[in-house]
N, C-alpha and C. Protein backbone atom coordinates (compact mmCIF):
# COMPACT_ATOMS: atom_id res chain seq x y z
N MET A 1 0.89 -1.19 0.16
CA MET A 1 0.37 0.09 0.38
C MET A 1 1.18 1.12 0.57
N SER A 2 0.89 1.63 -0.82
CA SER A 2 1.29 3.51 -0.94
C SER A 2 1.12 4.76 -0.68
N THR A 3 1.67 5.43 0.15
CA THR A 3 0.99 6.74 1.28
C THR A 3 1.51 7.77 0.46
N THR A 4 0.14 8.67 0.98
CA THR A 4 0.57 10.29 -0.56
C THR A 4 0.36 11.04 1.11
N THR A 5 0.38 12.37 0.82
CA THR A 5 0.55 13.51 1.98
C THR A 5 -0.82 13.80 1.34
N ILE A 6 -1.73 14.81 2.80
CA ILE A 6 -2.55 15.61 1.61
C ILE A 6 -2.50 16.53 2.90
N ARG A 7 -2.32 17.92 2.81
CA ARG A 7 -2.43 18.55 3.34
C ARG A 7 -4.03 19.34 3.65
N LEU A 8 -4.04 19.46 5.38
CA LEU A 8 -4.86 19.77 5.69
C LEU A 8 -5.68 20.88 6.07
N SER A 9 -6.32 21.79 6.26
CA SER A 9 -6.26 23.28 7.01
C SER A 9 -6.66 22.72 8.43
N GLU A 10 -6.09 23.34 9.91
CA GLU A 10 -6.54 23.55 11.44
C GLU A 10 -8.65 22.89 11.73
N ASP A 11 -8.58 23.54 10.24
CA ASP A 11 -9.97 23.74 11.00
C ASP A 11 -10.33 22.04 10.54
N LEU A 12 -10.42 21.78 9.18
CA LEU A 12 -10.99 20.46 8.52
C LEU A 12 -10.70 19.24 9.08
N LYS A 13 -9.25 19.41 10.12
CA LYS A 13 -9.12 18.33 10.55
C LYS A 13 -9.84 17.93 11.83
N ALA A 14 -9.62 19.31 12.68
CA ALA A 14 -11.03 18.49 13.60
C ALA A 14 -12.38 18.09 13.21
N ARG A 15 -12.21 19.28 12.52
CA ARG A 15 -13.96 19.10 11.84
C ARG A 15 -14.09 17.58 11.70
N ILE A 16 -12.63 16.49 10.94
CA ILE A 16 -12.52 15.39 10.46
C ILE A 16 -12.34 14.30 11.78
N ALA A 17 -11.74 15.18 12.44
CA ALA A 17 -11.57 14.93 13.97
C ALA A 17 -12.88 14.58 15.04
N ALA A 18 -13.30 15.11 15.11
CA ALA A 18 -14.43 14.94 15.51
C ALA A 18 -15.99 14.30 14.89
N ALA A 19 -15.36 14.30 13.64
CA ALA A 19 -17.14 13.61 13.14
C ALA A 19 -16.56 12.29 12.83
N ALA A 20 -14.97 11.56 12.91
CA ALA A 20 -14.42 10.22 12.03
C ALA A 20 -14.93 9.66 13.93
N LYS A 21 -15.20 10.76 15.50
CA LYS A 21 -15.05 10.33 16.58
C LYS A 21 -16.07 9.36 17.24
N GLN A 22 -17.16 10.66 16.54
CA GLN A 22 -19.39 10.32 16.76
C GLN A 22 -18.84 9.30 15.49
N ALA A 23 -18.13 8.43 14.35
CA ALA A 23 -18.73 7.78 13.84
C ALA A 23 -18.06 5.84 14.18
N GLY A 24 -17.58 6.92 15.17
CA GLY A 24 -17.13 5.35 16.20
C GLY A 24 -14.91 5.04 15.52
N THR A 25 -14.29 6.16 14.59
CA THR A 25 -13.80 5.03 14.20
C THR A 25 -12.49 6.43 13.89
N THR A 26 -11.17 5.79 13.76
CA THR A 26 -9.99 7.07 13.54
C THR A 26 -9.97 8.00 12.51
N SER A 27 -9.04 8.97 12.57
CA SER A 27 -9.81 10.36 11.41
C SER A 27 -8.71 9.65 10.48
N HIS A 28 -7.89 8.86 10.02
CA HIS A 28 -7.22 8.52 9.13
C HIS A 28 -8.55 7.43 8.23
N ASN A 29 -8.93 6.46 9.12
CA ASN A 29 -9.88 5.65 9.04
C ASN A 29 -11.12 6.14 8.07
N PHE A 30 -11.31 7.39 8.88
CA PHE A 30 -13.26 8.36 7.94
C PHE A 30 -12.36 9.28 6.44
N ILE A 31 -10.82 9.29 6.54
CA ILE A 31 -10.91 10.22 5.50
C ILE A 31 -11.29 9.11 3.72
N LEU A 32 -9.72 7.75 4.57
CA LEU A 32 -10.20 6.51 3.42
C LEU A 32 -11.79 6.51 3.31
N GLU A 33 -12.73 6.46 4.03
CA GLU A 33 -13.49 6.01 3.35
C GLU A 33 -14.23 6.85 3.23
N ALA A 34 -13.62 8.57 2.93
CA ALA A 34 -14.56 9.36 2.17
C ALA A 34 -14.21 9.54 0.51
N ILE A 35 -12.69 9.38 0.90
CA ILE A 35 -12.50 9.35 -0.40
C ILE A 35 -13.06 8.14 -1.76
N ALA A 36 -13.02 6.75 0.00
CA ALA A 36 -14.25 4.91 -1.74
C ALA A 36 -15.02 6.23 -1.94
N GLU A 37 -16.47 6.70 -0.53
CA GLU A 37 -16.49 7.24 -1.46
C GLU A 37 -17.39 7.76 -2.81
N LYS A 38 -16.79 8.79 -2.79
CA LYS A 38 -16.09 9.86 -3.54
C LYS A 38 -15.70 9.51 -4.71
N ALA A 39 -14.64 8.32 -4.63
CA ALA A 39 -14.11 7.73 -6.13
C ALA A 39 -15.74 7.02 -6.31
N ASP A 40 -16.64 5.70 -5.76
CA ASP A 40 -17.25 4.94 -6.20
C ASP A 40 -18.71 5.98 -6.76
N LEU A 41 -18.83 7.15 -5.88
CA LEU A 41 -20.07 8.36 -6.45
C LEU A 41 -19.06 8.61 -8.23
N ALA A 42 -18.36 8.36 -8.46
CA ALA A 42 -18.22 9.23 -9.71
C ALA A 42 -17.91 7.99 -10.05
N GLU A 43 -17.17 6.75 -9.64
CA GLU A 43 -17.41 5.77 -11.20
C GLU A 43 -19.25 5.37 -11.87
N ARG A 44 -20.06 5.05 -10.30
CA ARG A 44 -21.49 5.60 -10.99
C ARG A 44 -22.24 6.37 -11.22
N ARG A 45 -21.22 7.50 -11.20
CA ARG A 45 -22.62 9.05 -12.74
C ARG A 45 -21.96 8.86 -13.62
N ALA A 46 -20.24 8.29 -14.00
CA ALA A 46 -19.60 7.85 -15.22
C ALA A 46 -20.80 7.20 -15.64
N ASP A 47 -20.97 5.87 -15.09
CA ASP A 47 -22.22 4.75 -15.58
C ASP A 47 -23.38 5.30 -16.11
N PHE A 48 -23.82 5.87 -15.23
CA PHE A 48 -25.21 6.32 -15.44
C PHE A 48 -25.42 7.51 -16.37
N ASP A 49 -23.73 8.11 -16.95
CA ASP A 49 -23.90 8.84 -17.60
C ASP A 49 -23.73 8.22 -19.08
N ALA A 50 -23.06 6.96 -19.10
CA ALA A 50 -22.67 6.29 -20.28
C ALA A 50 -24.01 5.01 -20.66
N THR A 51 -24.56 4.59 -19.84
CA THR A 51 -25.98 4.24 -19.73
C THR A 51 -27.12 4.65 -20.48
N ALA A 52 -27.08 6.78 -20.73
CA ALA A 52 -28.04 8.05 -21.06
C ALA A 52 -27.36 7.80 -22.35
N GLU A 53 -26.63 7.94 -22.59
CA GLU A 53 -25.63 7.92 -24.23
C GLU A 53 -26.03 6.63 -25.44
N GLN A 54 -26.16 5.33 -24.81
CA GLN A 54 -26.16 4.23 -25.05
C GLN A 54 -27.76 4.26 -25.70
N ARG A 55 -28.18 4.54 -24.35
CA ARG A 55 -30.12 4.41 -24.32
C ARG A 55 -30.31 5.46 -25.69
N TYR A 56 -29.40 7.32 -25.59
CA TYR A 56 -30.06 8.30 -26.84
C TYR A 56 -30.03 8.04 -28.17
N ALA A 57 -28.76 7.11 -28.39
CA ALA A 57 -27.48 6.46 -29.21
C ALA A 57 -29.26 5.92 -30.18
N ARG A 58 -29.91 4.79 -28.79
CA ARG A 58 -30.18 3.86 -29.48
C ARG A 58 -31.98 4.93 -30.29
N ILE A 59 -32.31 5.50 -29.35
CA ILE A 59 -33.60 7.08 -29.55
C ILE A 59 -32.91 7.27 -30.79
N VAL A 60 -32.19 7.36 -30.87
CA VAL A 60 -31.52 8.69 -32.29
C VAL A 60 -31.99 7.97 -33.24
N GLU A 61 -31.08 6.21 -33.43
CA GLU A 61 -31.25 5.54 -34.44
C GLU A 61 -32.49 4.80 -34.82
N SER A 62 -32.50 4.49 -33.93
CA SER A 62 -34.17 3.82 -34.20
C SER A 62 -35.54 5.04 -34.28
N GLY A 63 -35.68 6.34 -34.37
CA GLY A 63 -36.09 7.88 -34.01
C GLY A 63 -37.84 6.60 -33.14
N LYS A 64 -37.55 5.77 -32.40
CA LYS A 64 -38.66 5.36 -31.40
C LYS A 64 -38.48 5.53 -30.53
N THR A 65 -39.72 5.84 -29.35
CA THR A 65 -39.48 6.52 -27.70
C THR A 65 -40.99 5.73 -27.17
N VAL A 66 -40.70 5.50 -25.93
CA VAL A 66 -42.32 6.03 -25.31
C VAL A 66 -42.73 7.48 -24.72
N PRO A 67 -43.98 7.49 -25.28
CA PRO A 67 -43.70 8.76 -25.28
C PRO A 67 -44.13 9.11 -22.98
N TRP A 68 -44.08 9.96 -21.42
CA TRP A 68 -43.35 9.63 -20.54
C TRP A 68 -45.27 9.83 -20.35
N ASP A 69 -46.04 10.02 -20.60
CA ASP A 69 -47.61 10.43 -20.29
C ASP A 69 -47.62 8.13 -20.10
N ASP A 70 -47.48 7.76 -20.91
CA ASP A 70 -47.84 6.59 -20.89
C ASP A 70 -46.75 5.62 -20.03
N MET A 71 -45.87 5.66 -20.28
CA MET A 71 -44.26 4.74 -19.47
C MET A 71 -45.34 5.61 -18.28
N ARG A 72 -45.83 6.28 -17.31
CA ARG A 72 -45.73 7.24 -16.08
C ARG A 72 -47.43 6.13 -15.89
N GLY A 73 -48.12 5.63 -16.83
CA GLY A 73 -49.22 5.37 -16.15
C GLY A 73 -49.63 3.98 -16.02
N TYR A 74 -48.75 2.87 -17.33
CA TYR A 74 -47.97 2.32 -16.47
C TYR A 74 -46.90 1.84 -15.70
N LEU A 75 -46.39 2.91 -15.15
CA LEU A 75 -45.09 2.68 -13.84
C LEU A 75 -46.31 2.05 -12.88
N GLU A 76 -47.09 3.38 -12.52
CA GLU A 76 -48.48 3.63 -11.10
C GLU A 76 -49.06 2.09 -11.07
N ASP A 77 -49.13 2.34 -12.40
CA ASP A 77 -50.28 0.48 -12.36
C ASP A 77 -49.79 -0.43 -12.34
N ARG A 78 -47.97 -0.57 -12.52
CA ARG A 78 -47.66 -2.28 -12.04
C ARG A 78 -46.66 -1.82 -10.28
N ILE A 79 -46.90 0.08 -9.61
CA ILE A 79 -46.75 -0.03 -8.72
C ILE A 79 -48.18 -0.43 -7.78
N ALA A 80 -49.49 0.64 -8.04
CA ALA A 80 -50.34 -0.36 -7.34
C ALA A 80 -50.54 -1.82 -7.56
N GLY A 81 -50.27 -2.54 -7.76
CA GLY A 81 -50.36 -4.14 -8.66
C GLY A 81 -51.59 -4.85 -9.05
N LYS A 82 -51.20 -3.34 -10.79
CA LYS A 82 -52.74 -3.70 -10.96
C LYS A 82 -51.57 -4.47 -12.43
N ALA A 83 -52.55 -5.59 -13.53
CA ALA A 83 -52.18 -5.96 -14.38
C ALA A 83 -51.59 -4.74 -15.63
N ALA A 84 -51.11 -4.43 -16.35
CA ALA A 84 -50.68 -3.26 -17.37
C ALA A 84 -50.62 -3.64 -18.45
N ARG A 85 -50.09 -3.06 -19.93
CA ARG A 85 -49.55 -3.86 -20.86
C ARG A 85 -47.77 -2.59 -21.44
N ARG A 86 -46.70 -3.12 -21.10
CA ARG A 86 -45.56 -2.02 -21.39
C ARG A 86 -46.58 -1.00 -22.86
N PRO A 87 -46.16 -0.40 -22.92
CA PRO A 87 -46.24 0.68 -23.86
C PRO A 87 -45.56 0.47 -25.00
N ALA A 88 -45.98 0.43 -26.13
CA ALA A 88 -45.41 0.64 -27.06
C ALA A 88 -44.33 1.15 -27.66
N ALA A 89 -43.33 1.34 -28.19
CA ALA A 89 -42.72 2.53 -29.09
C ALA A 89 -43.12 2.32 -29.85
N ARG A 90 -42.92 4.29 -30.19
CA ARG A 90 -43.18 5.13 -31.06
C ARG A 90 -42.42 5.69 -32.33
N LYS A 91 -42.60 6.05 -33.33
CA LYS A 91 -41.37 7.12 -34.25
C LYS A 91 -42.00 8.34 -33.13
N LEU A 92 -40.83 9.35 -33.31
CA LEU A 92 -40.43 10.98 -32.04
C LEU A 92 -41.38 11.63 -33.06
N ALA A 93 -42.69 12.60 -32.64
CA ALA A 93 -43.47 13.66 -33.89
C ALA A 93 -41.91 14.02 -34.61
N LYS A 94 -42.23 15.08 -35.57
CA LYS A 94 -41.03 15.73 -36.20
C LYS A 94 -42.00 17.46 -36.19
């Protein structure tokens, strides 16, 4: 495992120490968990963006989509436990 040095203001260092104590961990572990959470968030955001781009590319390629009102009604019926037919994709209006 490598070592990295970071410079913290005294105020931030005190805030980290207090938060770590409240969380029942060390400042070191608190910082490591914060960095891991931030990295995870960035990775999930990149995955979300990639999925959105892929879906948009399929819409552009096919020219088809499902109107939000139709999808919302379908989802509300499903949540309510009702039998619902999945709405069909159709060409975008030009």
